[in-house]
Amino acid sequence: MEEIYNVTTEGLRQSPVTPAVLQAFYEHHCVLRALKQYPADNAVG
């Protein structure tokens, strides 16, 4: 993931999830790239 998301391991392991990204997940649709703010958002997306 560090290579894909261009982030350090520490940054990855400390990452929060953006609320709008979580909302998209629970609405059962793809996540707009513009909503993603943190490394963990990519895994959700």
ModelCIF file with pLDDT and N, C-alpha, C, O atoms, coordinates in Angstrom:
data_MODEL
#
_entry.id   MODEL 
#
_entity.id                         1 
_entity.type                       polymer 
_entity.pdbx_number_of_molecules   1 
#
_entity_poly.entity_id                      1 
_entity_poly.type                           'polypeptide(L)' 
_entity_poly.nstd_linkage                   no 
_entity_poly.nstd_monomer                   no 
_entity_poly.pdbx_seq_one_letter_code       MEEIYNVTTEGLRQSPVTPAVLQAFYEHHCVLRALKQYPADNAVG 
_entity_poly.pdbx_seq_one_letter_code_can   MEEIYNVTTEGLRQSPVTPAVLQAFYEHHCVLRALKQYPADNAVG 
_entity_poly.pdbx_strand_id                 A 
#
loop_
_entity_poly_seq.entity_id 
_entity_poly_seq.num 
_entity_poly_seq.mon_id 
_entity_poly_seq.hetero 
1 1  MET n 
1 2  GLU n 
1 3  GLU n 
1 4  ILE n 
1 5  TYR n 
1 6  ASN n 
1 7  VAL n 
1 8  THR n 
1 9  THR n 
1 10 GLU n 
1 11 GLY n 
1 12 LEU n 
1 13 ARG n 
1 14 GLN n 
1 15 SER n 
1 16 PRO n 
1 17 VAL n 
1 18 THR n 
1 19 PRO n 
1 20 ALA n 
1 21 VAL n 
1 22 LEU n 
1 23 GLN n 
1 24 ALA n 
1 25 PHE n 
1 26 TYR n 
1 27 GLU n 
1 28 HIS n 
1 29 HIS n 
1 30 CYS n 
1 31 VAL n 
1 32 LEU n 
1 33 ARG n 
1 34 ALA n 
1 35 LEU n 
1 36 LYS n 
1 37 GLN n 
1 38 TYR n 
1 39 PRO n 
1 40 ALA n 
1 41 ASP n 
1 42 ASN n 
1 43 ALA n 
1 44 VAL n 
1 45 GLY n 
#
_struct_asym.id          A 
_struct_asym.entity_id   1 
#
loop_
_ma_qa_metric.id 
_ma_qa_metric.mode 
_ma_qa_metric.name 
_ma_qa_metric.software_group_id 
_ma_qa_metric.type 
1 global pLDDT . pLDDT 
2 local  pLDDT . pLDDT 
#
_ma_qa_metric_global.metric_id      1 
_ma_qa_metric_global.metric_value   92.93 
_ma_qa_metric_global.model_id       1 
_ma_qa_metric_global.ordinal_id     1 
#
loop_
_ma_qa_metric_local.label_asym_id 
_ma_qa_metric_local.label_comp_id 
_ma_qa_metric_local.label_seq_id 
_ma_qa_metric_local.metric_id 
_ma_qa_metric_local.metric_value 
_ma_qa_metric_local.model_id 
_ma_qa_metric_local.ordinal_id 
A MET 1  2 84.00 1 1  
A GLU 2  2 85.00 1 2  
A GLU 3  2 80.00 1 3  
A ILE 4  2 76.00 1 4  
A TYR 5  2 76.00 1 5  
A ASN 6  2 75.00 1 6  
A VAL 7  2 86.00 1 7  
A THR 8  2 92.00 1 8  
A THR 9  2 93.00 1 9  
A GLU 10 2 95.00 1 10 
A GLY 11 2 93.00 1 11 
A LEU 12 2 93.00 1 12 
A ARG 13 2 95.00 1 13 
A GLN 14 2 97.00 1 14 
A SER 15 2 97.00 1 15 
A PRO 16 2 97.00 1 16 
A VAL 17 2 98.00 1 17 
A THR 18 2 98.00 1 18 
A PRO 19 2 98.00 1 19 
A ALA 20 2 97.00 1 20 
A VAL 21 2 97.00 1 21 
A LEU 22 2 98.00 1 22 
A GLN 23 2 97.00 1 23 
A ALA 24 2 97.00 1 24 
A PHE 25 2 98.00 1 25 
A TYR 26 2 98.00 1 26 
A GLU 27 2 97.00 1 27 
A HIS 28 2 97.00 1 28 
A HIS 29 2 95.00 1 29 
A CYS 30 2 94.00 1 30 
A VAL 31 2 95.00 1 31 
A LEU 32 2 93.00 1 32 
A ARG 33 2 88.00 1 33 
A ALA 34 2 91.00 1 34 
A LEU 35 2 95.00 1 35 
A LYS 36 2 93.00 1 36 
A GLN 37 2 94.00 1 37 
A TYR 38 2 95.00 1 38 
A PRO 39 2 93.00 1 39 
A ALA 40 2 96.00 1 40 
A ASP 41 2 96.00 1 41 
A ASN 42 2 93.00 1 42 
A ALA 43 2 95.00 1 43 
A VAL 44 2 97.00 1 44 
A GLY 45 2 95.00 1 45 
#
loop_
_atom_site.group_PDB 
_atom_site.id 
_atom_site.type_symbol 
_atom_site.label_atom_id 
_atom_site.label_alt_id 
_atom_site.label_comp_id 
_atom_site.label_asym_id 
_atom_site.label_entity_id 
_atom_site.label_seq_id 
_atom_site.pdbx_PDB_ins_code 
_atom_site.Cartn_x 
_atom_site.Cartn_y 
_atom_site.Cartn_z 
_atom_site.occupancy 
_atom_site.B_iso_or_equiv 
_atom_site.pdbx_formal_charge 
_atom_site.auth_seq_id 
_atom_site.auth_comp_id 
_atom_site.auth_asym_id 
_atom_site.auth_atom_id 
_atom_site.pdbx_PDB_model_num 
ATOM 1   N N  . MET A 1 1  ? 0.816   -1.207 0.000  1.00 84.00 ? 1  MET A N  1 
ATOM 2   C CA . MET A 1 1  ? 0.000   0.000  0.000  1.00 84.00 ? 1  MET A CA 1 
ATOM 3   C C  . MET A 1 1  ? 0.850   1.257  0.000  1.00 84.00 ? 1  MET A C  1 
ATOM 4   O O  . MET A 1 1  ? 0.475   2.268  -0.593 1.00 84.00 ? 1  MET A O  1 
ATOM 5   N N  . GLU A 1 2  ? 2.006   1.192  0.671  1.00 85.00 ? 2  GLU A N  1 
ATOM 6   C CA . GLU A 1 2  ? 2.887   2.353  0.711  1.00 85.00 ? 2  GLU A CA 1 
ATOM 7   C C  . GLU A 1 2  ? 3.293   2.776  -0.696 1.00 85.00 ? 2  GLU A C  1 
ATOM 8   O O  . GLU A 1 2  ? 3.398   3.966  -0.992 1.00 85.00 ? 2  GLU A O  1 
ATOM 9   N N  . GLU A 1 3  ? 3.521   1.783  -1.563 1.00 80.00 ? 3  GLU A N  1 
ATOM 10  C CA . GLU A 1 3  ? 3.927   2.069  -2.938 1.00 80.00 ? 3  GLU A CA 1 
ATOM 11  C C  . GLU A 1 3  ? 2.752   2.589  -3.765 1.00 80.00 ? 3  GLU A C  1 
ATOM 12  O O  . GLU A 1 3  ? 2.901   3.538  -4.535 1.00 80.00 ? 3  GLU A O  1 
ATOM 13  N N  . ILE A 1 4  ? 1.607   1.977  -3.606 1.00 76.00 ? 4  ILE A N  1 
ATOM 14  C CA . ILE A 1 4  ? 0.438   2.393  -4.386 1.00 76.00 ? 4  ILE A CA 1 
ATOM 15  C C  . ILE A 1 4  ? -0.015  3.789  -3.997 1.00 76.00 ? 4  ILE A C  1 
ATOM 16  O O  . ILE A 1 4  ? -0.318  4.613  -4.860 1.00 76.00 ? 4  ILE A O  1 
ATOM 17  N N  . TYR A 1 5  ? -0.061  4.053  -2.700 1.00 76.00 ? 5  TYR A N  1 
ATOM 18  C CA . TYR A 1 5  ? -0.619  5.309  -2.217 1.00 76.00 ? 5  TYR A CA 1 
ATOM 19  C C  . TYR A 1 5  ? 0.440   6.376  -1.983 1.00 76.00 ? 5  TYR A C  1 
ATOM 20  O O  . TYR A 1 5  ? 0.119   7.499  -1.593 1.00 76.00 ? 5  TYR A O  1 
ATOM 21  N N  . ASN A 1 6  ? 1.706   6.028  -2.220 1.00 75.00 ? 6  ASN A N  1 
ATOM 22  C CA . ASN A 1 6  ? 2.812   6.976  -2.066 1.00 75.00 ? 6  ASN A CA 1 
ATOM 23  C C  . ASN A 1 6  ? 2.818   7.587  -0.662 1.00 75.00 ? 6  ASN A C  1 
ATOM 24  O O  . ASN A 1 6  ? 2.781   8.805  -0.491 1.00 75.00 ? 6  ASN A O  1 
ATOM 25  N N  . VAL A 1 7  ? 2.866   6.702  0.331  1.00 86.00 ? 7  VAL A N  1 
ATOM 26  C CA . VAL A 1 7  ? 2.788   7.133  1.725  1.00 86.00 ? 7  VAL A CA 1 
ATOM 27  C C  . VAL A 1 7  ? 3.745   6.280  2.557  1.00 86.00 ? 7  VAL A C  1 
ATOM 28  O O  . VAL A 1 7  ? 4.065   5.155  2.174  1.00 86.00 ? 7  VAL A O  1 
ATOM 29  N N  . THR A 1 8  ? 4.195   6.804  3.680  1.00 92.00 ? 8  THR A N  1 
ATOM 30  C CA . THR A 1 8  ? 5.026   6.025  4.579  1.00 92.00 ? 8  THR A CA 1 
ATOM 31  C C  . THR A 1 8  ? 4.182   5.014  5.332  1.00 92.00 ? 8  THR A C  1 
ATOM 32  O O  . THR A 1 8  ? 2.961   5.144  5.416  1.00 92.00 ? 8  THR A O  1 
ATOM 33  N N  . THR A 1 9  ? 4.853   3.997  5.884  1.00 93.00 ? 9  THR A N  1 
ATOM 34  C CA . THR A 1 9  ? 4.134   3.009  6.687  1.00 93.00 ? 9  THR A CA 1 
ATOM 35  C C  . THR A 1 9  ? 3.479   3.669  7.897  1.00 93.00 ? 9  THR A C  1 
ATOM 36  O O  . THR A 1 9  ? 2.348   3.343  8.258  1.00 93.00 ? 9  THR A O  1 
ATOM 37  N N  . GLU A 1 10 ? 4.203   4.600  8.517  1.00 95.00 ? 10 GLU A N  1 
ATOM 38  C CA . GLU A 1 10 ? 3.645   5.305  9.672  1.00 95.00 ? 10 GLU A CA 1 
ATOM 39  C C  . GLU A 1 10 ? 2.403   6.108  9.274  1.00 95.00 ? 10 GLU A C  1 
ATOM 40  O O  . GLU A 1 10 ? 1.394   6.097  9.980  1.00 95.00 ? 10 GLU A O  1 
ATOM 41  N N  . GLY A 1 11 ? 2.489   6.797  8.146  1.00 93.00 ? 11 GLY A N  1 
ATOM 42  C CA . GLY A 1 11 ? 1.348   7.576  7.680  1.00 93.00 ? 11 GLY A CA 1 
ATOM 43  C C  . GLY A 1 11 ? 0.150   6.696  7.391  1.00 93.00 ? 11 GLY A C  1 
ATOM 44  O O  . GLY A 1 11 ? -0.994  7.081  7.635  1.00 93.00 ? 11 GLY A O  1 
ATOM 45  N N  . LEU A 1 12 ? 0.424   5.505  6.866  1.00 93.00 ? 12 LEU A N  1 
ATOM 46  C CA . LEU A 1 12 ? -0.646  4.559  6.561  1.00 93.00 ? 12 LEU A CA 1 
ATOM 47  C C  . LEU A 1 12 ? -1.314  4.059  7.837  1.00 93.00 ? 12 LEU A C  1 
ATOM 48  O O  . LEU A 1 12 ? -2.540  4.013  7.934  1.00 93.00 ? 12 LEU A O  1 
ATOM 49  N N  . ARG A 1 13 ? -0.493  3.687  8.806  1.00 95.00 ? 13 ARG A N  1 
ATOM 50  C CA . ARG A 1 13 ? -1.026  3.069  10.022 1.00 95.00 ? 13 ARG A CA 1 
ATOM 51  C C  . ARG A 1 13 ? -1.712  4.075  10.945 1.00 95.00 ? 13 ARG A C  1 
ATOM 52  O O  . ARG A 1 13 ? -2.522  3.685  11.787 1.00 95.00 ? 13 ARG A O  1 
ATOM 53  N N  . GLN A 1 14 ? -1.402  5.355  10.800 1.00 97.00 ? 14 GLN A N  1 
ATOM 54  C CA . GLN A 1 14 ? -2.040  6.376  11.633 1.00 97.00 ? 14 GLN A CA 1 
ATOM 55  C C  . GLN A 1 14 ? -3.227  7.046  10.935 1.00 97.00 ? 14 GLN A C  1 
ATOM 56  O O  . GLN A 1 14 ? -3.914  7.870  11.540 1.00 97.00 ? 14 GLN A O  1 
ATOM 57  N N  . SER A 1 15 ? -3.469  6.702  9.682  1.00 97.00 ? 15 SER A N  1 
ATOM 58  C CA . SER A 1 15 ? -4.464  7.404  8.875  1.00 97.00 ? 15 SER A CA 1 
ATOM 59  C C  . SER A 1 15 ? -5.881  7.275  9.422  1.00 97.00 ? 15 SER A C  1 
ATOM 60  O O  . SER A 1 15 ? -6.309  6.179  9.784  1.00 97.00 ? 15 SER A O  1 
ATOM 61  N N  . PRO A 1 16 ? -6.606  8.377  9.483  1.00 97.00 ? 16 PRO A N  1 
ATOM 62  C CA . PRO A 1 16 ? -8.047  8.301  9.721  1.00 97.00 ? 16 PRO A CA 1 
ATOM 63  C C  . PRO A 1 16 ? -8.777  8.010  8.413  1.00 97.00 ? 16 PRO A C  1 
ATOM 64  O O  . PRO A 1 16 ? -8.154  7.858  7.363  1.00 97.00 ? 16 PRO A O  1 
ATOM 65  N N  . VAL A 1 17 ? -10.092 7.935  8.488  1.00 98.00 ? 17 VAL A N  1 
ATOM 66  C CA . VAL A 1 17 ? -10.935 7.795  7.299  1.00 98.00 ? 17 VAL A CA 1 
ATOM 67  C C  . VAL A 1 17 ? -11.819 9.034  7.199  1.00 98.00 ? 17 VAL A C  1 
ATOM 68  O O  . VAL A 1 17 ? -12.439 9.440  8.182  1.00 98.00 ? 17 VAL A O  1 
ATOM 69  N N  . THR A 1 18 ? -11.875 9.625  6.031  1.00 98.00 ? 18 THR A N  1 
ATOM 70  C CA . THR A 1 18 ? -12.700 10.807 5.816  1.00 98.00 ? 18 THR A CA 1 
ATOM 71  C C  . THR A 1 18 ? -14.186 10.456 5.945  1.00 98.00 ? 18 THR A C  1 
ATOM 72  O O  . THR A 1 18 ? -14.630 9.492  5.321  1.00 98.00 ? 18 THR A O  1 
ATOM 73  N N  . PRO A 1 19 ? -14.961 11.195 6.723  1.00 98.00 ? 19 PRO A N  1 
ATOM 74  C CA . PRO A 1 19 ? -16.388 10.868 6.894  1.00 98.00 ? 19 PRO A CA 1 
ATOM 75  C C  . PRO A 1 19 ? -17.154 10.767 5.582  1.00 98.00 ? 19 PRO A C  1 
ATOM 76  O O  . PRO A 1 19 ? -18.011 9.895  5.439  1.00 98.00 ? 19 PRO A O  1 
ATOM 77  N N  . ALA A 1 20 ? -16.865 11.640 4.623  1.00 97.00 ? 20 ALA A N  1 
ATOM 78  C CA . ALA A 1 20 ? -17.580 11.584 3.338  1.00 97.00 ? 20 ALA A CA 1 
ATOM 79  C C  . ALA A 1 20 ? -17.270 10.303 2.580  1.00 97.00 ? 20 ALA A C  1 
ATOM 80  O O  . ALA A 1 20 ? -18.109 9.804  1.830  1.00 97.00 ? 20 ALA A O  1 
ATOM 81  N N  . VAL A 1 21 ? -16.066 9.768  2.772  1.00 97.00 ? 21 VAL A N  1 
ATOM 82  C CA . VAL A 1 21 ? -15.689 8.507  2.136  1.00 97.00 ? 21 VAL A CA 1 
ATOM 83  C C  . VAL A 1 21 ? -16.454 7.354  2.779  1.00 97.00 ? 21 VAL A C  1 
ATOM 84  O O  . VAL A 1 21 ? -16.945 6.464  2.084  1.00 97.00 ? 21 VAL A O  1 
ATOM 85  N N  . LEU A 1 22 ? -16.552 7.375  4.090  1.00 98.00 ? 22 LEU A N  1 
ATOM 86  C CA . LEU A 1 22 ? -17.364 6.364  4.787  1.00 98.00 ? 22 LEU A CA 1 
ATOM 87  C C  . LEU A 1 22 ? -18.819 6.441  4.355  1.00 98.00 ? 22 LEU A C  1 
ATOM 88  O O  . LEU A 1 22 ? -19.474 5.415  4.177  1.00 98.00 ? 22 LEU A O  1 
ATOM 89  N N  . GLN A 1 23 ? -19.320 7.647  4.189  1.00 97.00 ? 23 GLN A N  1 
ATOM 90  C CA . GLN A 1 23 ? -20.715 7.812  3.768  1.00 97.00 ? 23 GLN A CA 1 
ATOM 91  C C  . GLN A 1 23 ? -20.940 7.175  2.400  1.00 97.00 ? 23 GLN A C  1 
ATOM 92  O O  . GLN A 1 23 ? -21.944 6.496  2.184  1.00 97.00 ? 23 GLN A O  1 
ATOM 93  N N  . ALA A 1 24 ? -20.009 7.395  1.482  1.00 97.00 ? 24 ALA A N  1 
ATOM 94  C CA . ALA A 1 24 ? -20.138 6.796  0.147  1.00 97.00 ? 24 ALA A CA 1 
ATOM 95  C C  . ALA A 1 24 ? -20.158 5.274  0.244  1.00 97.00 ? 24 ALA A C  1 
ATOM 96  O O  . ALA A 1 24 ? -20.926 4.616  -0.458 1.00 97.00 ? 24 ALA A O  1 
ATOM 97  N N  . PHE A 1 25 ? -19.311 4.710  1.118  1.00 98.00 ? 25 PHE A N  1 
ATOM 98  C CA . PHE A 1 25 ? -19.288 3.255  1.295  1.00 98.00 ? 25 PHE A CA 1 
ATOM 99  C C  . PHE A 1 25 ? -20.659 2.757  1.736  1.00 98.00 ? 25 PHE A C  1 
ATOM 100 O O  . PHE A 1 25 ? -21.178 1.790  1.177  1.00 98.00 ? 25 PHE A O  1 
ATOM 101 N N  . TYR A 1 26 ? -21.244 3.406  2.728  1.00 98.00 ? 26 TYR A N  1 
ATOM 102 C CA . TYR A 1 26 ? -22.535 2.938  3.248  1.00 98.00 ? 26 TYR A CA 1 
ATOM 103 C C  . TYR A 1 26 ? -23.697 3.265  2.324  1.00 98.00 ? 26 TYR A C  1 
ATOM 104 O O  . TYR A 1 26 ? -24.790 2.718  2.476  1.00 98.00 ? 26 TYR A O  1 
ATOM 105 N N  . GLU A 1 27 ? -23.464 4.155  1.368  1.00 97.00 ? 27 GLU A N  1 
ATOM 106 C CA . GLU A 1 27 ? -24.459 4.394  0.317  1.00 97.00 ? 27 GLU A CA 1 
ATOM 107 C C  . GLU A 1 27 ? -24.288 3.410  -0.840 1.00 97.00 ? 27 GLU A C  1 
ATOM 108 O O  . GLU A 1 27 ? -25.059 3.418  -1.799 1.00 97.00 ? 27 GLU A O  1 
ATOM 109 N N  . HIS A 1 28 ? -23.270 2.569  -0.731 1.00 97.00 ? 28 HIS A N  1 
ATOM 110 C CA . HIS A 1 28 ? -23.026 1.485  -1.685 1.00 97.00 ? 28 HIS A CA 1 
ATOM 111 C C  . HIS A 1 28 ? -22.731 1.991  -3.102 1.00 97.00 ? 28 HIS A C  1 
ATOM 112 O O  . HIS A 1 28 ? -23.347 1.551  -4.073 1.00 97.00 ? 28 HIS A O  1 
ATOM 113 N N  . HIS A 1 29 ? -21.783 2.917  -3.197 1.00 95.00 ? 29 HIS A N  1 
ATOM 114 C CA . HIS A 1 29 ? -21.342 3.354  -4.520 1.00 95.00 ? 29 HIS A CA 1 
ATOM 115 C C  . HIS A 1 29 ? -19.864 3.739  -4.474 1.00 95.00 ? 29 HIS A C  1 
ATOM 116 O O  . HIS A 1 29 ? -19.276 3.869  -3.400 1.00 95.00 ? 29 HIS A O  1 
ATOM 117 N N  . CYS A 1 30 ? -19.284 3.917  -5.643 1.00 94.00 ? 30 CYS A N  1 
ATOM 118 C CA . CYS A 1 30 ? -17.875 4.286  -5.742 1.00 94.00 ? 30 CYS A CA 1 
ATOM 119 C C  . CYS A 1 30 ? -17.622 5.628  -5.061 1.00 94.00 ? 30 CYS A C  1 
ATOM 120 O O  . CYS A 1 30 ? -18.519 6.457  -4.911 1.00 94.00 ? 30 CYS A O  1 
ATOM 121 N N  . VAL A 1 31 ? -16.370 5.807  -4.657 1.00 95.00 ? 31 VAL A N  1 
ATOM 122 C CA . VAL A 1 31 ? -15.965 7.029  -3.968 1.00 95.00 ? 31 VAL A CA 1 
ATOM 123 C C  . VAL A 1 31 ? -15.301 7.976  -4.959 1.00 95.00 ? 31 VAL A C  1 
ATOM 124 O O  . VAL A 1 31 ? -14.356 7.596  -5.650 1.00 95.00 ? 31 VAL A O  1 
ATOM 125 N N  . LEU A 1 32 ? -15.787 9.183  -5.026 1.00 93.00 ? 32 LEU A N  1 
ATOM 126 C CA . LEU A 1 32 ? -15.153 10.186 -5.872 1.00 93.00 ? 32 LEU A CA 1 
ATOM 127 C C  . LEU A 1 32 ? -13.735 10.466 -5.388 1.00 93.00 ? 32 LEU A C  1 
ATOM 128 O O  . LEU A 1 32 ? -13.489 10.585 -4.187 1.00 93.00 ? 32 LEU A O  1 
ATOM 129 N N  . ARG A 1 33 ? -12.814 10.569 -6.325 1.00 88.00 ? 33 ARG A N  1 
ATOM 130 C CA . ARG A 1 33 ? -11.416 10.820 -5.977 1.00 88.00 ? 33 ARG A CA 1 
ATOM 131 C C  . ARG A 1 33 ? -11.278 12.103 -5.154 1.00 88.00 ? 33 ARG A C  1 
ATOM 132 O O  . ARG A 1 33 ? -10.441 12.178 -4.255 1.00 88.00 ? 33 ARG A O  1 
ATOM 133 N N  . ALA A 1 34 ? -12.087 13.095 -5.457 1.00 91.00 ? 34 ALA A N  1 
ATOM 134 C CA . ALA A 1 34 ? -11.972 14.388 -4.780 1.00 91.00 ? 34 ALA A CA 1 
ATOM 135 C C  . ALA A 1 34 ? -12.312 14.312 -3.292 1.00 91.00 ? 34 ALA A C  1 
ATOM 136 O O  . ALA A 1 34 ? -11.930 15.198 -2.527 1.00 91.00 ? 34 ALA A O  1 
ATOM 137 N N  . LEU A 1 35 ? -13.021 13.271 -2.877 1.00 95.00 ? 35 LEU A N  1 
ATOM 138 C CA . LEU A 1 35 ? -13.390 13.137 -1.472 1.00 95.00 ? 35 LEU A CA 1 
ATOM 139 C C  . LEU A 1 35 ? -12.252 12.594 -0.609 1.00 95.00 ? 35 LEU A C  1 
ATOM 140 O O  . LEU A 1 35 ? -12.257 12.759 0.611  1.00 95.00 ? 35 LEU A O  1 
ATOM 141 N N  . LYS A 1 36 ? -11.296 11.957 -1.238 1.00 93.00 ? 36 LYS A N  1 
ATOM 142 C CA . LYS A 1 36 ? -10.248 11.257 -0.485 1.00 93.00 ? 36 LYS A CA 1 
ATOM 143 C C  . LYS A 1 36 ? -9.207  12.243 0.050  1.00 93.00 ? 36 LYS A C  1 
ATOM 144 O O  . LYS A 1 36 ? -8.600  13.004 -0.704 1.00 93.00 ? 36 LYS A O  1 
ATOM 145 N N  . GLN A 1 37 ? -9.020  12.208 1.369  1.00 94.00 ? 37 GLN A N  1 
ATOM 146 C CA . GLN A 1 37 ? -8.063  13.101 2.020  1.00 94.00 ? 37 GLN A CA 1 
ATOM 147 C C  . GLN A 1 37 ? -6.915  12.352 2.684  1.00 94.00 ? 37 GLN A C  1 
ATOM 148 O O  . GLN A 1 37 ? -5.839  12.920 2.874  1.00 94.00 ? 37 GLN A O  1 
ATOM 149 N N  . TYR A 1 38 ? -7.124  11.081 3.041  1.00 95.00 ? 38 TYR A N  1 
ATOM 150 C CA . TYR A 1 38 ? -6.144  10.335 3.823  1.00 95.00 ? 38 TYR A CA 1 
ATOM 151 C C  . TYR A 1 38 ? -5.819  9.007  3.144  1.00 95.00 ? 38 TYR A C  1 
ATOM 152 O O  . TYR A 1 38 ? -6.613  8.521  2.339  1.00 95.00 ? 38 TYR A O  1 
ATOM 153 N N  . PRO A 1 39 ? -4.657  8.409  3.457  1.00 93.00 ? 39 PRO A N  1 
ATOM 154 C CA . PRO A 1 39 ? -4.279  7.140  2.828  1.00 93.00 ? 39 PRO A CA 1 
ATOM 155 C C  . PRO A 1 39 ? -5.326  6.043  2.977  1.00 93.00 ? 39 PRO A C  1 
ATOM 156 O O  . PRO A 1 39 ? -5.575  5.297  2.030  1.00 93.00 ? 39 PRO A O  1 
ATOM 157 N N  . ALA A 1 40 ? -5.942  5.933  4.150  1.00 96.00 ? 40 ALA A N  1 
ATOM 158 C CA . ALA A 1 40 ? -6.931  4.872  4.375  1.00 96.00 ? 40 ALA A CA 1 
ATOM 159 C C  . ALA A 1 40 ? -8.148  5.021  3.464  1.00 96.00 ? 40 ALA A C  1 
ATOM 160 O O  . ALA A 1 40 ? -8.839  4.042  3.182  1.00 96.00 ? 40 ALA A O  1 
ATOM 161 N N  . ASP A 1 41 ? -8.405  6.232  3.009  1.00 96.00 ? 41 ASP A N  1 
ATOM 162 C CA . ASP A 1 41 ? -9.540  6.457  2.108  1.00 96.00 ? 41 ASP A CA 1 
ATOM 163 C C  . ASP A 1 41 ? -9.406  5.653  0.824  1.00 96.00 ? 41 ASP A C  1 
ATOM 164 O O  . ASP A 1 41 ? -10.408 5.260  0.226  1.00 96.00 ? 41 ASP A O  1 
ATOM 165 N N  . ASN A 1 42 ? -8.178  5.407  0.401  1.00 93.00 ? 42 ASN A N  1 
ATOM 166 C CA . ASN A 1 42 ? -7.961  4.651  -0.826 1.00 93.00 ? 42 ASN A CA 1 
ATOM 167 C C  . ASN A 1 42 ? -8.415  3.206  -0.678 1.00 93.00 ? 42 ASN A C  1 
ATOM 168 O O  . ASN A 1 42 ? -9.003  2.638  -1.598 1.00 93.00 ? 42 ASN A O  1 
ATOM 169 N N  . ALA A 1 43 ? -8.144  2.616  0.470  1.00 95.00 ? 43 ALA A N  1 
ATOM 170 C CA . ALA A 1 43 ? -8.592  1.241  0.710  1.00 95.00 ? 43 ALA A CA 1 
ATOM 171 C C  . ALA A 1 43 ? -10.118 1.172  0.739  1.00 95.00 ? 43 ALA A C  1 
ATOM 172 O O  . ALA A 1 43 ? -10.713 0.225  0.224  1.00 95.00 ? 43 ALA A O  1 
ATOM 173 N N  . VAL A 1 44 ? -10.742 2.173  1.340  1.00 97.00 ? 44 VAL A N  1 
ATOM 174 C CA . VAL A 1 44 ? -12.207 2.226  1.353  1.00 97.00 ? 44 VAL A CA 1 
ATOM 175 C C  . VAL A 1 44 ? -12.733 2.381  -0.072 1.00 97.00 ? 44 VAL A C  1 
ATOM 176 O O  . VAL A 1 44 ? -13.670 1.696  -0.479 1.00 97.00 ? 44 VAL A O  1 
ATOM 177 N N  . GLY A 1 45 ? -12.113 3.295  -0.823 1.00 95.00 ? 45 GLY A N  1 
ATOM 178 C CA . GLY A 1 45 ? -12.562 3.551  -2.189 1.00 95.00 ? 45 GLY A CA 1 
ATOM 179 C C  . GLY A 1 45 ? -12.454 2.341  -3.080 1.00 95.00 ? 45 GLY A C  1 
ATOM 180 O O  . GLY A 1 45 ? -12.798 2.410  -4.260 1.00 95.00 ? 45 GLY A O  1 
#
